[in-house]
Amino acid sequence: MRYLKQLAAGVLATSISLAAAAQTLVVGDQSYNARAVMEAAGVLEDLPYTLEWKQFTAGSPVAEALNVGSLDLGLLGDAPPLFLGALGAPIKVVAVSRQNLEGVAILARKDSDIHSLADLKGKRAAIWKGSWSQQLLFSALDKAGVPRDALELRYLSALDASHALDGGSVDVIATWEPYVTQQERQGARVLATAEGIIPAQSFVVANAKAVQEKRAQIADFLQRLKKARQWTLSDPAHTEAYADAWAKRTRADGDIARAWFARARTDLAPLNAQVITDAQKTVDFFAGIGLIKGYPAASLFDTSFSAALQDSAVTQH
């Protein structure tokens, strides 16, 4: 079996080098996250094709670039591609990125009288519409039996929401990293995390044309990204090296990055039935508040790359 896997890998490498060496794989990254980990892990050496990175600061423009075909592959949270899926966009989810869900949280100011979700009645909350932020706050309120309209909502980006919490113009925010780590270090109180409340998945998404024409390159890229993620998980020193490389590229606080990445323990995984079930929950949530039309989320997923990721996980031991 081991020999057959090695042989298959060799055939794949040969097919890439002969048929696709002249092609370019265009990948949409967010704030150098994937590029930094792959460079730190040294998995981008000897690429048998050209890799072109495009950097974005949010998931929505990544999704739109995939939709119009200016990207072959993109890394982003679940909401933007699921929104596009409702419109029949030519995109496919090909892998899932997993992280510790404590990094998606509802936070209250350190000097507030808010100690639980029940204390949020009449308070001011900042969220970003159509994102984990909105899904987490509303779902957590539902679970705690607090009416959604019991709060005064302000729709702010994650950065602006963090500043608003600092300045006291809102009492609570629902956000993600690195803002969770930043706010915790300033004494903000965690009221709830995504754990057990929302899936908060991240996806690797491909343009449908690229799935057909650049299948070998996509599979190769996913295997390299998987190896990079597992490299960071194999040794705390590797996680710190990745955090430092990312902080240097983005001019961010290295201490925040190290704490964030150590907690996140981000990994790449093949698609399975649970991923699709969780995606359907997210579709149903946003359809329930009228932001999209409901549809079968399974239509957006291409599980044909899962074998490549499973093989990658096996051959690293």
Protein backbone atom coordinates (compact mmCIF):
# COMPACT_ATOMS: atom_id res chain seq x y z
CA MET A 1 0.00 0.00 0.00
CA ARG A 2 2.79 2.42 0.90
CA TYR A 3 4.50 1.69 -2.41
CA LEU A 4 1.28 2.34 -4.33
CA LYS A 5 0.83 5.69 -2.59
CA GLN A 6 4.42 6.66 -3.39
CA LEU A 7 3.92 5.59 -6.99
CA ALA A 8 0.69 7.60 -7.22
CA ALA A 9 2.45 10.66 -5.81
CA GLY A 10 5.21 10.27 -8.37
CA VAL A 11 2.73 10.00 -11.21
CA LEU A 12 0.93 13.13 -9.96
CA ALA A 13 4.20 15.07 -9.78
CA THR A 14 5.13 13.96 -13.28
CA SER A 15 1.73 14.90 -14.67
CA ILE A 16 2.03 18.36 -13.12
CA SER A 17 5.53 18.96 -14.40
CA LEU A 18 4.74 17.91 -17.94
CA ALA A 19 1.22 19.23 -18.44
CA ALA A 20 0.98 22.21 -16.15
CA ALA A 21 4.42 23.69 -15.56
CA ALA A 22 3.63 26.65 -17.78
CA GLN A 23 0.34 27.36 -16.03
CA THR A 24 -0.16 29.78 -13.16
CA LEU A 25 -2.30 29.11 -10.07
CA VAL A 26 -3.71 32.38 -8.76
CA VAL A 27 -4.49 32.20 -5.03
CA GLY A 28 -6.40 34.77 -2.98
CA ASP A 29 -5.03 35.02 0.56
CA GLN A 30 -6.13 37.20 3.47
CA SER A 31 -3.45 39.38 5.02
CA TYR A 32 -0.65 36.93 4.17
CA ASN A 33 -1.98 34.21 6.49
CA ALA A 34 -1.57 31.22 4.16
CA ARG A 35 1.50 32.60 2.42
CA ALA A 36 3.28 33.23 5.73
CA VAL A 37 2.70 29.71 7.04
CA MET A 38 3.71 28.06 3.76
CA GLU A 39 6.89 30.11 3.49
CA ALA A 40 7.79 29.52 7.14
CA ALA A 41 7.30 25.77 6.69
CA GLY A 42 9.38 25.73 3.49
CA VAL A 43 6.72 23.93 1.45
CA LEU A 44 6.82 26.27 -1.56
CA GLU A 45 10.20 25.12 -2.81
CA ASP A 46 10.40 23.28 -6.14
CA LEU A 47 6.89 24.20 -7.25
CA PRO A 48 6.18 22.55 -10.62
CA TYR A 49 3.97 25.49 -11.64
CA THR A 50 3.86 29.24 -11.06
CA LEU A 51 2.08 30.39 -7.91
CA GLU A 52 0.70 33.93 -7.93
CA TRP A 53 -0.58 35.37 -4.65
CA LYS A 54 -3.17 38.11 -4.36
CA GLN A 55 -3.70 39.60 -0.90
CA PHE A 56 -7.03 40.80 0.51
CA THR A 57 -8.12 42.23 3.85
CA ALA A 58 -11.54 40.55 4.02
CA GLY A 59 -13.41 37.51 2.73
CA SER A 60 -16.06 39.21 0.60
CA PRO A 61 -13.65 40.56 -2.05
CA VAL A 62 -11.97 37.13 -2.19
CA ALA A 63 -15.35 35.58 -2.93
CA GLU A 64 -16.15 38.16 -5.59
CA ALA A 65 -12.77 37.64 -7.27
CA LEU A 66 -13.47 33.91 -7.37
CA ASN A 67 -16.91 34.61 -8.80
CA VAL A 68 -15.57 36.66 -11.72
CA GLY A 69 -12.66 34.28 -12.35
CA SER A 70 -9.73 36.52 -11.41
CA LEU A 71 -8.73 33.93 -8.79
CA ASP A 72 -8.37 30.18 -9.17
CA LEU A 73 -8.39 29.50 -5.45
CA GLY A 74 -9.25 31.54 -2.35
CA LEU A 75 -9.10 31.16 1.44
CA LEU A 76 -11.94 32.73 3.41
CA GLY A 77 -14.65 32.30 6.03
CA ASP A 78 -17.81 30.39 5.23
CA ALA A 79 -20.35 33.23 4.86
CA PRO A 80 -19.14 34.95 1.64
CA PRO A 81 -19.00 31.78 -0.48
CA LEU A 82 -22.28 30.51 0.98
CA PHE A 83 -23.88 33.84 0.06
CA LEU A 84 -22.55 33.51 -3.49
CA GLY A 85 -23.78 29.93 -3.61
CA ALA A 86 -27.31 31.22 -3.14
CA LEU A 87 -26.84 33.15 -6.39
CA GLY A 88 -25.52 30.15 -8.32
CA ALA A 89 -21.99 31.48 -8.57
CA PRO A 90 -19.40 29.35 -10.45
CA ILE A 91 -17.44 28.36 -7.34
CA LYS A 92 -16.78 25.17 -5.40
CA VAL A 93 -15.64 24.58 -1.82
CA VAL A 94 -12.77 22.07 -2.01
CA ALA A 95 -11.42 21.90 1.58
CA VAL A 96 -12.14 23.12 5.10
CA SER A 97 -9.85 24.99 7.47
CA ARG A 98 -10.41 24.22 11.16
CA GLN A 99 -9.45 26.32 14.15
CA ASN A 100 -10.13 26.57 17.86
CA LEU A 101 -13.54 28.24 18.11
CA GLU A 102 -12.53 30.20 21.22
CA GLY A 103 -11.12 32.69 18.73
CA VAL A 104 -14.66 33.70 17.69
CA ALA A 105 -16.33 35.32 20.68
CA ILE A 106 -18.70 37.81 22.25
CA LEU A 107 -16.80 40.27 24.44
CA ALA A 108 -17.90 42.88 26.97
CA ARG A 109 -15.92 45.88 28.18
CA LYS A 110 -13.78 45.13 31.22
CA ASP A 111 -15.37 47.92 33.27
CA SER A 112 -18.98 47.08 32.37
CA ASP A 113 -21.64 45.46 34.53
CA ILE A 114 -22.16 42.77 31.88
CA HIS A 115 -21.25 39.30 33.13
CA SER A 116 -23.56 37.06 31.09
CA LEU A 117 -25.68 37.09 27.96
CA ALA A 118 -28.72 37.77 30.15
CA ASP A 119 -27.17 41.13 31.04
CA LEU A 120 -27.25 42.33 27.43
CA LYS A 121 -30.83 43.61 27.47
CA GLY A 122 -30.80 47.31 26.67
CA LYS A 123 -27.09 47.32 25.83
CA ARG A 124 -25.31 48.47 22.67
CA ALA A 125 -23.70 45.78 20.52
CA ALA A 126 -21.49 46.05 17.42
CA ILE A 127 -21.62 43.32 14.80
CA TRP A 128 -20.81 42.91 11.11
CA LYS A 129 -23.86 41.97 9.06
CA GLY A 130 -23.68 38.69 7.12
CA SER A 131 -20.73 37.29 9.07
CA TRP A 132 -19.75 35.02 11.97
CA SER A 133 -20.26 38.11 14.13
CA GLN A 134 -23.98 38.41 13.44
CA GLN A 135 -24.53 34.65 13.42
CA LEU A 136 -22.78 34.21 16.78
CA LEU A 137 -24.53 37.06 18.58
CA PHE A 138 -28.02 36.16 17.36
CA SER A 139 -27.53 32.42 17.94
CA ALA A 140 -26.10 32.97 21.42
CA LEU A 141 -28.99 35.27 22.33
CA ASP A 142 -31.47 32.66 21.10
CA LYS A 143 -29.77 29.97 23.19
CA ALA A 144 -29.83 32.21 26.29
CA GLY A 145 -33.47 33.18 25.77
CA VAL A 146 -32.68 36.86 25.20
CA PRO A 147 -34.75 38.54 22.43
CA ARG A 148 -32.60 39.74 19.54
CA ASP A 149 -34.33 43.12 19.58
CA ALA A 150 -33.48 43.63 23.24
CA LEU A 151 -30.14 45.12 22.14
CA GLU A 152 -29.29 48.25 20.20
CA LEU A 153 -27.29 47.03 17.21
CA ARG A 154 -24.60 48.91 15.35
CA TYR A 155 -23.16 47.45 12.18
CA LEU A 156 -19.39 47.95 12.22
CA SER A 157 -16.41 46.15 10.70
CA ALA A 158 -14.32 44.05 13.09
CA LEU A 159 -11.67 46.77 13.34
CA ASP A 160 -14.18 49.56 13.91
CA ALA A 161 -16.09 47.44 16.44
CA SER A 162 -12.92 46.88 18.44
CA HIS A 163 -12.24 50.62 18.48
CA ALA A 164 -15.86 51.28 19.47
CA LEU A 165 -15.52 48.91 22.43
CA ASP A 166 -12.30 50.63 23.46
CA GLY A 167 -13.95 54.04 23.27
CA GLY A 168 -17.12 53.02 25.10
CA SER A 169 -19.56 53.76 22.29
CA VAL A 170 -20.69 50.11 22.44
CA ASP A 171 -20.92 47.74 25.39
CA VAL A 172 -20.28 44.46 23.62
CA ILE A 173 -18.92 43.13 20.35
CA ALA A 174 -19.03 39.78 18.56
CA THR A 175 -15.79 39.30 16.67
CA TRP A 176 -12.90 37.07 15.65
CA GLU A 177 -9.11 37.01 15.75
CA PRO A 178 -6.87 38.89 16.21
CA TYR A 179 -9.41 41.17 17.90
CA VAL A 180 -10.44 38.54 20.45
CA THR A 181 -6.87 38.14 21.68
CA GLN A 182 -6.29 41.91 21.63
CA GLN A 183 -9.42 42.62 23.67
CA GLU A 184 -8.77 39.82 26.14
CA ARG A 185 -5.31 41.25 26.81
CA GLN A 186 -6.93 44.58 27.56
CA GLY A 187 -9.23 42.94 30.10
CA ALA A 188 -12.37 42.43 28.02
CA ARG A 189 -14.71 39.78 29.39
CA VAL A 190 -15.66 36.78 27.22
CA LEU A 191 -19.41 36.11 27.42
CA ALA A 192 -19.55 33.27 24.89
CA THR A 193 -17.52 31.67 22.13
CA ALA A 194 -18.57 29.98 18.91
CA GLU A 195 -17.95 26.57 20.49
CA GLY A 196 -21.25 24.70 20.53
CA ILE A 197 -23.14 27.66 19.04
CA ILE A 198 -22.09 28.20 15.40
CA PRO A 199 -19.78 26.25 13.06
CA ALA A 200 -17.55 29.26 12.18
CA GLN A 201 -15.93 27.29 9.38
CA SER A 202 -13.34 28.56 6.92
CA PHE A 203 -13.11 27.22 3.40
CA VAL A 204 -10.71 26.82 0.53
CA VAL A 205 -12.81 27.75 -2.50
CA ALA A 206 -12.04 27.28 -6.18
CA ASN A 207 -13.43 28.87 -9.29
CA ALA A 208 -15.36 26.17 -11.14
CA LYS A 209 -13.30 26.62 -14.31
CA ALA A 210 -10.08 26.16 -12.35
CA VAL A 211 -11.44 22.93 -10.88
CA GLN A 212 -11.67 21.59 -14.41
CA GLU A 213 -8.52 23.06 -15.92
CA LYS A 214 -6.08 23.20 -12.96
CA ARG A 215 -7.03 20.16 -10.93
CA ALA A 216 -3.46 18.91 -10.49
CA GLN A 217 -2.20 22.29 -9.31
CA ILE A 218 -5.07 22.71 -6.84
CA ALA A 219 -4.46 19.26 -5.37
CA ASP A 220 -0.76 19.98 -5.07
CA PHE A 221 -1.36 23.35 -3.40
CA LEU A 222 -3.78 21.80 -0.89
CA GLN A 223 -1.23 19.12 0.01
CA ARG A 224 1.47 21.74 0.55
CA LEU A 225 -0.83 23.89 2.68
CA LYS A 226 -1.79 20.83 4.73
CA LYS A 227 1.89 20.05 5.32
CA ALA A 228 2.52 23.63 6.39
CA ARG A 229 -0.34 23.59 8.86
CA GLN A 230 0.79 20.29 10.33
CA TRP A 231 4.34 21.63 10.58
CA THR A 232 3.10 24.43 12.84
CA LEU A 233 1.16 21.96 14.98
CA SER A 234 4.14 19.64 15.42
CA ASP A 235 6.21 22.03 17.56
CA PRO A 236 5.41 25.23 19.51
CA ALA A 237 8.62 26.73 18.11
CA HIS A 238 7.21 26.27 14.61
CA THR A 239 4.01 28.08 15.61
CA GLU A 240 6.10 30.98 16.91
CA ALA A 241 8.16 31.08 13.71
CA TYR A 242 4.96 31.26 11.68
CA ALA A 243 3.53 33.98 13.94
CA ASP A 244 6.72 36.02 13.73
CA ALA A 245 6.81 35.70 9.93
CA TRP A 246 3.20 36.79 9.67
CA ALA A 247 3.68 39.71 12.08
CA LYS A 248 6.70 40.90 10.11
CA ARG A 249 4.79 40.83 6.82
CA THR A 250 1.74 42.60 8.23
CA ARG A 251 3.55 44.85 10.73
CA ALA A 252 1.32 43.44 13.45
CA ASP A 253 2.07 42.88 17.14
CA GLY A 254 4.20 39.72 17.39
CA ASP A 255 2.98 38.89 20.90
CA ILE A 256 -0.64 39.03 19.77
CA ALA A 257 0.17 36.86 16.76
CA ARG A 258 1.95 34.23 18.85
CA ALA A 259 -0.92 34.02 21.34
CA TRP A 260 -3.51 33.92 18.55
CA PHE A 261 -1.81 31.22 16.48
CA ALA A 262 -0.98 29.09 19.52
CA ARG A 263 -4.64 29.03 20.50
CA ALA A 264 -6.06 28.74 17.00
CA ARG A 265 -4.12 25.57 16.06
CA THR A 266 -5.39 25.96 12.51
CA ASP A 267 -5.37 22.87 10.32
CA LEU A 268 -6.60 21.92 6.86
CA ALA A 269 -8.96 18.98 6.44
CA PRO A 270 -10.82 17.14 3.69
CA LEU A 271 -14.52 17.70 3.30
CA ASN A 272 -16.96 15.33 4.98
CA ALA A 273 -20.67 15.09 5.70
CA GLN A 274 -20.42 17.12 8.92
CA VAL A 275 -18.81 20.06 7.11
CA ILE A 276 -21.70 20.16 4.66
CA THR A 277 -24.29 19.76 7.44
CA ASP A 278 -22.73 22.68 9.31
CA ALA A 279 -22.69 24.76 6.13
CA GLN A 280 -26.41 24.10 5.74
CA LYS A 281 -26.99 25.42 9.27
CA THR A 282 -25.26 28.65 8.27
CA VAL A 283 -27.26 28.93 5.05
CA ASP A 284 -30.47 28.34 6.99
CA PHE A 285 -29.53 31.00 9.56
CA PHE A 286 -28.90 33.72 7.00
CA ALA A 287 -31.95 32.69 5.00
CA GLY A 288 -33.95 32.94 8.22
CA ILE A 289 -33.03 36.60 8.67
CA GLY A 290 -33.67 37.39 5.01
CA LEU A 291 -30.11 37.99 3.81
CA ILE A 292 -30.10 35.15 1.27
CA LYS A 293 -32.47 32.64 -0.25
CA GLY A 294 -32.30 29.14 1.18
CA TYR A 295 -30.76 26.42 -0.96
CA PRO A 296 -29.09 22.98 -0.57
CA ALA A 297 -25.55 23.82 0.56
CA ALA A 298 -24.27 20.46 -0.70
CA SER A 299 -24.46 21.82 -4.26
CA LEU A 300 -21.53 24.12 -3.48
CA PHE A 301 -19.09 21.40 -2.42
CA ASP A 302 -16.64 19.36 -4.49
CA THR A 303 -15.34 16.44 -2.45
CA SER A 304 -13.05 15.14 -5.19
CA PHE A 305 -9.96 16.71 -3.58
CA SER A 306 -10.51 15.04 -0.23
CA ALA A 307 -8.44 11.99 -1.15
CA ALA A 308 -5.42 14.20 -1.85
CA LEU A 309 -5.65 15.72 1.61
CA GLN A 310 -6.11 12.37 3.31
CA ASP A 311 -3.06 10.97 1.52
CA SER A 312 -1.09 14.06 2.53
CA ALA A 313 -2.00 13.50 6.17
CA VAL A 314 -0.93 9.84 6.00
CA THR A 315 2.44 10.33 4.30
CA GLN A 316 3.65 12.91 6.83
CA HIS A 317 4.01 10.41 9.67
